[in-house]
Amino acid sequence: MSNHHFPQWHEKGDQCRWPVCHCHILQWGCETIHTRPESEKHHPDGKKEIRFPDQTVKYLFPDGQEQSVFPDGTVVTLQTNGDKIIKFTNGQREIHTSQYKRREYPDGTLKTVYSNGRQETKYSTGRVRIKDIEGNIILDKK
């Protein structure tokens, strides 16, 4: 995530030039680039709220955590340790860490891909399936 310093408060129509802000946010595998925020508000608690023309709202917290709320309701949180949590409107959640990426489904199913390429699926029924880095099933416990 880029850290840009914007003026204290500007609204659409103000006479100022905004720096280009490249917001590298995962949204279905695409990079979202905002070039001019509509407004930025600084809250008394130190939180910054940036609103973009596409209705995306980005919050920057004093502890370094960042959260982006997209118009479709998807919420992406970047934690201070570098972990990323994506909450989708369909109830699914995705967690990205340096060790793995995990998708959590509303029925309790967990699909995890580890940094070494190994895949593990734990179904809500209790079934566990593990695949090696080439996609070969090495365990299928029902």
N, C-alpha and C. Protein backbone atom coordinates (compact mmCIF):
# COMPACT_ATOMS: atom_id res chain seq x y z
N MET A 1 0.83 -1.17 0.00
CA MET A 1 0.00 0.00 0.00
C MET A 1 0.89 1.24 0.00
N SER A 2 0.51 2.19 -0.80
CA SER A 2 1.27 3.43 -0.87
C SER A 2 0.82 4.36 0.24
N ASN A 3 1.75 5.08 0.81
CA ASN A 3 1.42 6.10 1.79
C ASN A 3 1.66 7.45 1.16
N HIS A 4 0.58 8.18 0.90
CA HIS A 4 0.66 9.51 0.35
C HIS A 4 0.12 10.48 1.38
N HIS A 5 0.68 11.65 1.44
CA HIS A 5 0.21 12.67 2.37
C HIS A 5 -0.64 13.65 1.60
N PHE A 6 -1.92 13.72 1.96
CA PHE A 6 -2.86 14.59 1.32
C PHE A 6 -3.11 15.80 2.21
N PRO A 7 -3.64 16.89 1.67
CA PRO A 7 -4.03 18.02 2.49
C PRO A 7 -5.06 17.60 3.53
N GLN A 8 -5.24 18.39 4.59
CA GLN A 8 -6.15 18.07 5.68
C GLN A 8 -7.56 17.76 5.20
N TRP A 9 -8.15 18.59 4.35
CA TRP A 9 -9.51 18.34 3.89
C TRP A 9 -9.74 19.05 2.58
N HIS A 10 -10.12 18.31 1.59
CA HIS A 10 -10.46 18.91 0.30
C HIS A 10 -11.67 18.19 -0.23
N GLU A 11 -12.55 18.93 -0.87
CA GLU A 11 -13.74 18.36 -1.46
C GLU A 11 -13.68 18.55 -2.97
N LYS A 12 -14.52 17.82 -3.66
CA LYS A 12 -14.61 17.94 -5.11
C LYS A 12 -14.88 19.41 -5.45
N GLY A 13 -14.13 19.93 -6.41
CA GLY A 13 -14.31 21.31 -6.82
C GLY A 13 -13.29 22.26 -6.21
N ASP A 14 -12.61 21.85 -5.15
CA ASP A 14 -11.56 22.69 -4.57
C ASP A 14 -10.44 22.86 -5.58
N GLN A 15 -9.78 23.98 -5.54
CA GLN A 15 -8.68 24.26 -6.45
C GLN A 15 -7.38 23.72 -5.86
N CYS A 16 -7.11 22.45 -6.12
CA CYS A 16 -5.84 21.87 -5.67
C CYS A 16 -5.48 20.75 -6.62
N ARG A 17 -4.25 20.35 -6.59
CA ARG A 17 -3.79 19.23 -7.41
C ARG A 17 -3.50 18.06 -6.48
N TRP A 18 -4.09 16.92 -6.82
CA TRP A 18 -3.89 15.72 -6.01
C TRP A 18 -2.78 14.88 -6.59
N PRO A 19 -1.94 14.32 -5.75
CA PRO A 19 -0.93 13.38 -6.26
C PRO A 19 -1.64 12.09 -6.71
N VAL A 20 -0.98 11.36 -7.56
CA VAL A 20 -1.54 10.09 -8.00
C VAL A 20 -1.40 9.10 -6.85
N CYS A 21 -2.47 8.41 -6.53
CA CYS A 21 -2.48 7.43 -5.45
C CYS A 21 -2.71 6.06 -6.05
N HIS A 22 -1.74 5.20 -5.99
CA HIS A 22 -1.88 3.83 -6.50
C HIS A 22 -2.27 2.94 -5.34
N CYS A 23 -3.51 2.55 -5.28
CA CYS A 23 -4.01 1.70 -4.21
C CYS A 23 -3.97 0.25 -4.69
N HIS A 24 -2.98 -0.48 -4.28
CA HIS A 24 -2.82 -1.86 -4.73
C HIS A 24 -3.68 -2.75 -3.85
N ILE A 25 -4.94 -2.89 -4.23
CA ILE A 25 -5.90 -3.63 -3.44
C ILE A 25 -6.39 -4.80 -4.26
N LEU A 26 -6.32 -5.99 -3.66
CA LEU A 26 -6.81 -7.17 -4.36
C LEU A 26 -8.33 -7.10 -4.47
N GLN A 27 -8.82 -7.13 -5.66
CA GLN A 27 -10.26 -7.18 -5.90
C GLN A 27 -10.47 -8.07 -7.11
N TRP A 28 -10.68 -9.35 -6.87
CA TRP A 28 -10.85 -10.34 -7.92
C TRP A 28 -9.62 -10.37 -8.82
N GLY A 29 -8.44 -10.23 -8.25
CA GLY A 29 -7.20 -10.36 -9.00
C GLY A 29 -6.79 -9.12 -9.75
N CYS A 30 -7.49 -8.01 -9.60
CA CYS A 30 -7.17 -6.80 -10.33
C CYS A 30 -6.55 -5.76 -9.40
N GLU A 31 -5.84 -4.83 -9.98
CA GLU A 31 -5.26 -3.73 -9.22
C GLU A 31 -6.14 -2.51 -9.43
N THR A 32 -6.62 -1.95 -8.33
CA THR A 32 -7.47 -0.77 -8.41
C THR A 32 -6.58 0.45 -8.27
N ILE A 33 -6.65 1.36 -9.20
CA ILE A 33 -5.83 2.57 -9.15
C ILE A 33 -6.76 3.78 -9.11
N HIS A 34 -6.68 4.53 -8.03
CA HIS A 34 -7.45 5.75 -7.89
C HIS A 34 -6.51 6.93 -8.15
N THR A 35 -6.90 7.84 -9.00
CA THR A 35 -6.00 8.95 -9.31
C THR A 35 -6.36 10.23 -8.58
N ARG A 36 -7.59 10.37 -8.10
CA ARG A 36 -7.96 11.59 -7.41
C ARG A 36 -9.07 11.30 -6.42
N PRO A 37 -8.78 11.39 -5.14
CA PRO A 37 -9.86 11.18 -4.18
C PRO A 37 -10.85 12.34 -4.21
N GLU A 38 -12.10 12.04 -3.90
CA GLU A 38 -13.12 13.08 -3.78
C GLU A 38 -12.85 13.93 -2.55
N SER A 39 -12.54 13.24 -1.43
CA SER A 39 -12.29 13.96 -0.19
C SER A 39 -11.47 13.11 0.77
N GLU A 40 -10.84 13.77 1.70
CA GLU A 40 -10.13 13.09 2.77
C GLU A 40 -10.47 13.80 4.07
N LYS A 41 -10.83 13.00 5.06
CA LYS A 41 -11.22 13.56 6.35
C LYS A 41 -10.33 12.97 7.44
N HIS A 42 -9.84 13.81 8.32
CA HIS A 42 -9.04 13.37 9.46
C HIS A 42 -9.92 13.42 10.70
N HIS A 43 -10.09 12.28 11.36
CA HIS A 43 -10.92 12.19 12.56
C HIS A 43 -10.09 12.51 13.80
N PRO A 44 -10.73 12.97 14.88
CA PRO A 44 -10.00 13.31 16.12
C PRO A 44 -9.20 12.14 16.70
N ASP A 45 -9.66 10.90 16.45
CA ASP A 45 -8.94 9.74 16.99
C ASP A 45 -7.73 9.35 16.16
N GLY A 46 -7.43 10.13 15.10
CA GLY A 46 -6.27 9.86 14.27
C GLY A 46 -6.57 9.07 13.01
N LYS A 47 -7.79 8.57 12.89
CA LYS A 47 -8.19 7.81 11.70
C LYS A 47 -8.36 8.76 10.53
N LYS A 48 -7.92 8.32 9.33
CA LYS A 48 -8.13 9.07 8.10
C LYS A 48 -9.15 8.33 7.26
N GLU A 49 -10.04 9.08 6.66
CA GLU A 49 -11.08 8.51 5.81
C GLU A 49 -10.96 9.15 4.43
N ILE A 50 -10.71 8.32 3.42
CA ILE A 50 -10.54 8.82 2.05
C ILE A 50 -11.67 8.27 1.20
N ARG A 51 -12.39 9.16 0.53
CA ARG A 51 -13.51 8.76 -0.33
C ARG A 51 -13.12 9.00 -1.78
N PHE A 52 -13.38 7.99 -2.63
CA PHE A 52 -13.02 8.05 -4.03
C PHE A 52 -14.26 8.18 -4.91
N PRO A 53 -14.09 8.66 -6.14
CA PRO A 53 -15.23 8.85 -7.04
C PRO A 53 -16.06 7.60 -7.28
N ASP A 54 -15.46 6.42 -7.23
CA ASP A 54 -16.21 5.18 -7.46
C ASP A 54 -16.95 4.70 -6.21
N GLN A 55 -16.98 5.54 -5.16
CA GLN A 55 -17.65 5.27 -3.88
C GLN A 55 -16.85 4.34 -2.96
N THR A 56 -15.63 3.98 -3.34
CA THR A 56 -14.76 3.23 -2.44
C THR A 56 -14.36 4.15 -1.30
N VAL A 57 -14.32 3.60 -0.08
CA VAL A 57 -13.89 4.37 1.09
C VAL A 57 -12.71 3.62 1.70
N LYS A 58 -11.62 4.36 1.93
CA LYS A 58 -10.43 3.77 2.53
C LYS A 58 -10.19 4.43 3.87
N TYR A 59 -9.97 3.59 4.89
CA TYR A 59 -9.69 4.08 6.24
C TYR A 59 -8.25 3.75 6.58
N LEU A 60 -7.53 4.72 7.08
CA LEU A 60 -6.16 4.52 7.57
C LEU A 60 -6.19 4.77 9.08
N PHE A 61 -5.82 3.77 9.85
CA PHE A 61 -5.89 3.85 11.30
C PHE A 61 -4.54 4.23 11.89
N PRO A 62 -4.54 4.87 13.05
CA PRO A 62 -3.28 5.31 13.67
C PRO A 62 -2.28 4.18 13.91
N ASP A 63 -2.77 2.95 14.13
CA ASP A 63 -1.87 1.83 14.40
C ASP A 63 -1.26 1.24 13.13
N GLY A 64 -1.61 1.81 11.95
CA GLY A 64 -1.05 1.33 10.69
C GLY A 64 -1.97 0.41 9.91
N GLN A 65 -3.06 -0.03 10.53
CA GLN A 65 -4.02 -0.89 9.82
C GLN A 65 -4.75 -0.06 8.77
N GLU A 66 -5.10 -0.71 7.65
CA GLU A 66 -5.84 -0.07 6.57
C GLU A 66 -7.06 -0.91 6.24
N GLN A 67 -8.15 -0.23 5.89
CA GLN A 67 -9.36 -0.94 5.51
C GLN A 67 -10.00 -0.22 4.33
N SER A 68 -10.36 -0.98 3.31
CA SER A 68 -11.05 -0.43 2.14
C SER A 68 -12.41 -1.08 2.02
N VAL A 69 -13.43 -0.26 1.82
CA VAL A 69 -14.79 -0.74 1.65
C VAL A 69 -15.21 -0.39 0.22
N PHE A 70 -15.50 -1.41 -0.59
CA PHE A 70 -15.83 -1.21 -1.99
C PHE A 70 -17.35 -1.05 -2.15
N PRO A 71 -17.78 -0.44 -3.24
CA PRO A 71 -19.21 -0.21 -3.46
C PRO A 71 -20.07 -1.47 -3.40
N ASP A 72 -19.53 -2.61 -3.76
CA ASP A 72 -20.32 -3.85 -3.72
C ASP A 72 -20.39 -4.47 -2.33
N GLY A 73 -19.75 -3.83 -1.34
CA GLY A 73 -19.79 -4.32 0.03
C GLY A 73 -18.57 -5.13 0.44
N THR A 74 -17.69 -5.46 -0.50
CA THR A 74 -16.46 -6.18 -0.17
C THR A 74 -15.59 -5.31 0.72
N VAL A 75 -15.02 -5.90 1.77
CA VAL A 75 -14.16 -5.17 2.71
C VAL A 75 -12.79 -5.84 2.73
N VAL A 76 -11.74 -5.05 2.47
CA VAL A 76 -10.37 -5.54 2.50
C VAL A 76 -9.64 -4.86 3.65
N THR A 77 -9.09 -5.65 4.56
CA THR A 77 -8.36 -5.12 5.70
C THR A 77 -6.91 -5.57 5.61
N LEU A 78 -6.00 -4.62 5.68
CA LEU A 78 -4.57 -4.93 5.72
C LEU A 78 -4.11 -4.66 7.14
N GLN A 79 -3.71 -5.73 7.83
CA GLN A 79 -3.29 -5.62 9.22
C GLN A 79 -1.84 -5.17 9.30
N THR A 80 -1.44 -4.70 10.47
CA THR A 80 -0.09 -4.17 10.64
C THR A 80 0.99 -5.23 10.44
N ASN A 81 0.66 -6.51 10.63
CA ASN A 81 1.64 -7.58 10.43
C ASN A 81 1.74 -8.01 8.97
N GLY A 82 0.97 -7.35 8.08
CA GLY A 82 1.01 -7.66 6.65
C GLY A 82 -0.07 -8.62 6.19
N ASP A 83 -0.80 -9.23 7.12
CA ASP A 83 -1.89 -10.12 6.75
C ASP A 83 -3.01 -9.32 6.11
N LYS A 84 -3.69 -9.94 5.15
CA LYS A 84 -4.80 -9.30 4.46
C LYS A 84 -6.04 -10.16 4.65
N ILE A 85 -7.15 -9.54 5.03
CA ILE A 85 -8.42 -10.23 5.20
C ILE A 85 -9.43 -9.61 4.26
N ILE A 86 -10.05 -10.44 3.45
CA ILE A 86 -11.05 -9.97 2.48
C ILE A 86 -12.38 -10.61 2.85
N LYS A 87 -13.38 -9.77 3.10
CA LYS A 87 -14.72 -10.26 3.43
C LYS A 87 -15.63 -9.94 2.25
N PHE A 88 -16.20 -11.01 1.68
CA PHE A 88 -17.09 -10.87 0.53
C PHE A 88 -18.54 -10.82 0.99
N THR A 89 -19.38 -10.23 0.19
CA THR A 89 -20.79 -10.08 0.55
C THR A 89 -21.55 -11.41 0.55
N ASN A 90 -21.00 -12.43 -0.07
CA ASN A 90 -21.67 -13.74 -0.09
C ASN A 90 -21.35 -14.58 1.15
N GLY A 91 -20.65 -13.96 2.12
CA GLY A 91 -20.33 -14.66 3.37
C GLY A 91 -18.97 -15.33 3.37
N GLN A 92 -18.31 -15.37 2.22
CA GLN A 92 -16.98 -15.97 2.17
C GLN A 92 -15.96 -14.97 2.70
N ARG A 93 -14.85 -15.53 3.19
CA ARG A 93 -13.77 -14.71 3.72
C ARG A 93 -12.46 -15.31 3.22
N GLU A 94 -11.51 -14.45 2.88
CA GLU A 94 -10.21 -14.91 2.42
C GLU A 94 -9.14 -14.27 3.29
N ILE A 95 -8.16 -15.08 3.69
CA ILE A 95 -7.07 -14.60 4.54
C ILE A 95 -5.76 -14.87 3.81
N HIS A 96 -4.94 -13.82 3.66
CA HIS A 96 -3.63 -13.95 3.03
C HIS A 96 -2.57 -13.65 4.09
N THR A 97 -1.67 -14.61 4.31
CA THR A 97 -0.52 -14.40 5.20
C THR A 97 0.74 -14.76 4.43
N SER A 98 1.88 -14.63 5.05
CA SER A 98 3.12 -15.01 4.38
C SER A 98 3.23 -16.53 4.26
N GLN A 99 2.47 -17.27 5.05
CA GLN A 99 2.54 -18.73 5.06
C GLN A 99 1.48 -19.42 4.20
N TYR A 100 0.32 -18.76 4.01
CA TYR A 100 -0.77 -19.40 3.28
C TYR A 100 -1.81 -18.38 2.84
N LYS A 101 -2.70 -18.87 1.94
CA LYS A 101 -3.91 -18.16 1.57
C LYS A 101 -5.06 -19.12 1.85
N ARG A 102 -6.07 -18.62 2.56
CA ARG A 102 -7.18 -19.49 2.96
C ARG A 102 -8.51 -18.84 2.59
N ARG A 103 -9.40 -19.65 2.03
CA ARG A 103 -10.77 -19.21 1.74
C ARG A 103 -11.68 -19.94 2.71
N GLU A 104 -12.51 -19.18 3.42
CA GLU A 104 -13.48 -19.74 4.36
C GLU A 104 -14.87 -19.56 3.78
N TYR A 105 -15.62 -20.65 3.71
CA TYR A 105 -16.96 -20.63 3.14
C TYR A 105 -18.00 -20.61 4.25
N PRO A 106 -19.18 -20.07 3.98
CA PRO A 106 -20.23 -19.99 5.01
C PRO A 106 -20.62 -21.33 5.62
N ASP A 107 -20.47 -22.43 4.88
CA ASP A 107 -20.83 -23.75 5.42
C ASP A 107 -19.75 -24.33 6.32
N GLY A 108 -18.63 -23.60 6.50
CA GLY A 108 -17.55 -24.08 7.36
C GLY A 108 -16.39 -24.71 6.62
N THR A 109 -16.51 -24.90 5.31
CA THR A 109 -15.42 -25.46 4.51
C THR A 109 -14.25 -24.48 4.48
N LEU A 110 -13.03 -25.02 4.61
CA LEU A 110 -11.80 -24.21 4.56
C LEU A 110 -10.90 -24.75 3.46
N LYS A 111 -10.49 -23.89 2.53
CA LYS A 111 -9.53 -24.28 1.49
C LYS A 111 -8.28 -23.45 1.70
N THR A 112 -7.15 -24.12 1.88
CA THR A 112 -5.89 -23.45 2.16
C THR A 112 -4.84 -23.84 1.14
N VAL A 113 -4.13 -22.85 0.63
CA VAL A 113 -2.98 -23.09 -0.24
C VAL A 113 -1.77 -22.53 0.49
N TYR A 114 -0.82 -23.39 0.80
CA TYR A 114 0.37 -22.99 1.54
C TYR A 114 1.42 -22.42 0.60
N SER A 115 2.36 -21.68 1.16
CA SER A 115 3.39 -21.02 0.35
C SER A 115 4.24 -22.01 -0.44
N ASN A 116 4.32 -23.27 0.02
CA ASN A 116 5.09 -24.28 -0.72
C ASN A 116 4.26 -24.94 -1.83
N GLY A 117 2.98 -24.52 -1.98
CA GLY A 117 2.13 -25.05 -3.03
C GLY A 117 1.19 -26.16 -2.61
N ARG A 118 1.38 -26.70 -1.41
CA ARG A 118 0.50 -27.76 -0.92
C ARG A 118 -0.90 -27.19 -0.68
N GLN A 119 -1.92 -27.98 -0.98
CA GLN A 119 -3.31 -27.54 -0.81
C GLN A 119 -4.02 -28.46 0.18
N GLU A 120 -4.86 -27.84 0.99
CA GLU A 120 -5.61 -28.60 1.99
C GLU A 120 -7.04 -28.09 2.01
N THR A 121 -7.99 -29.00 1.94
CA THR A 121 -9.40 -28.64 2.04
C THR A 121 -10.01 -29.41 3.20
N LYS A 122 -10.62 -28.67 4.12
CA LYS A 122 -11.35 -29.27 5.24
C LYS A 122 -12.82 -28.92 5.03
N TYR A 123 -13.60 -29.95 4.74
CA TYR A 123 -15.01 -29.77 4.47
C TYR A 123 -15.80 -29.71 5.77
N SER A 124 -16.97 -29.10 5.72
CA SER A 124 -17.82 -28.98 6.90
C SER A 124 -18.29 -30.34 7.40
N THR A 125 -18.24 -31.35 6.54
CA THR A 125 -18.65 -32.71 6.90
C THR A 125 -17.57 -33.45 7.70
N GLY A 126 -16.37 -32.85 7.77
CA GLY A 126 -15.26 -33.50 8.46
C GLY A 126 -14.25 -34.11 7.50
N ARG A 127 -14.60 -34.22 6.25
CA ARG A 127 -13.69 -34.76 5.24
C ARG A 127 -12.48 -33.84 5.09
N VAL A 128 -11.30 -34.43 4.89
CA VAL A 128 -10.06 -33.68 4.69
C VAL A 128 -9.39 -34.19 3.43
N ARG A 129 -9.02 -33.27 2.54
CA ARG A 129 -8.31 -33.65 1.32
C ARG A 129 -7.05 -32.81 1.22
N ILE A 130 -5.92 -33.47 1.01
CA ILE A 130 -4.63 -32.78 0.88
C ILE A 130 -4.02 -33.13 -0.47
N LYS A 131 -3.56 -32.09 -1.16
CA LYS A 131 -2.91 -32.28 -2.46
C LYS A 131 -1.47 -31.77 -2.36
N ASP A 132 -0.56 -32.45 -3.07
CA ASP A 132 0.82 -31.98 -3.11
C ASP A 132 0.95 -30.80 -4.06
N ILE A 133 2.17 -30.30 -4.23
CA ILE A 133 2.37 -29.09 -5.04
C ILE A 133 2.01 -29.29 -6.51
N GLU A 134 1.94 -30.53 -6.96
CA GLU A 134 1.57 -30.80 -8.35
C GLU A 134 0.07 -31.08 -8.50
N GLY A 135 -0.67 -31.02 -7.40
CA GLY A 135 -2.11 -31.24 -7.46
C GLY A 135 -2.54 -32.68 -7.27
N ASN A 136 -1.59 -33.57 -6.96
CA ASN A 136 -1.92 -34.97 -6.73
C ASN A 136 -2.49 -35.15 -5.32
N ILE A 137 -3.58 -35.88 -5.20
CA ILE A 137 -4.19 -36.12 -3.90
C ILE A 137 -3.29 -37.08 -3.11
N ILE A 138 -2.86 -36.62 -1.95
CA ILE A 138 -2.01 -37.47 -1.10
C ILE A 138 -2.78 -37.95 0.15
N LEU A 139 -3.92 -37.33 0.44
CA LEU A 139 -4.76 -37.77 1.54
C LEU A 139 -6.20 -37.37 1.23
N ASP A 140 -7.11 -38.31 1.41
CA ASP A 140 -8.54 -38.02 1.27
C ASP A 140 -9.24 -38.80 2.37
N LYS A 141 -9.38 -38.16 3.51
CA LYS A 141 -9.95 -38.81 4.69
C LYS A 141 -11.41 -38.39 4.82
N LYS A 142 -12.29 -39.39 4.76
CA LYS A 142 -13.73 -39.11 4.82
C LYS A 142 -14.32 -39.31 6.18
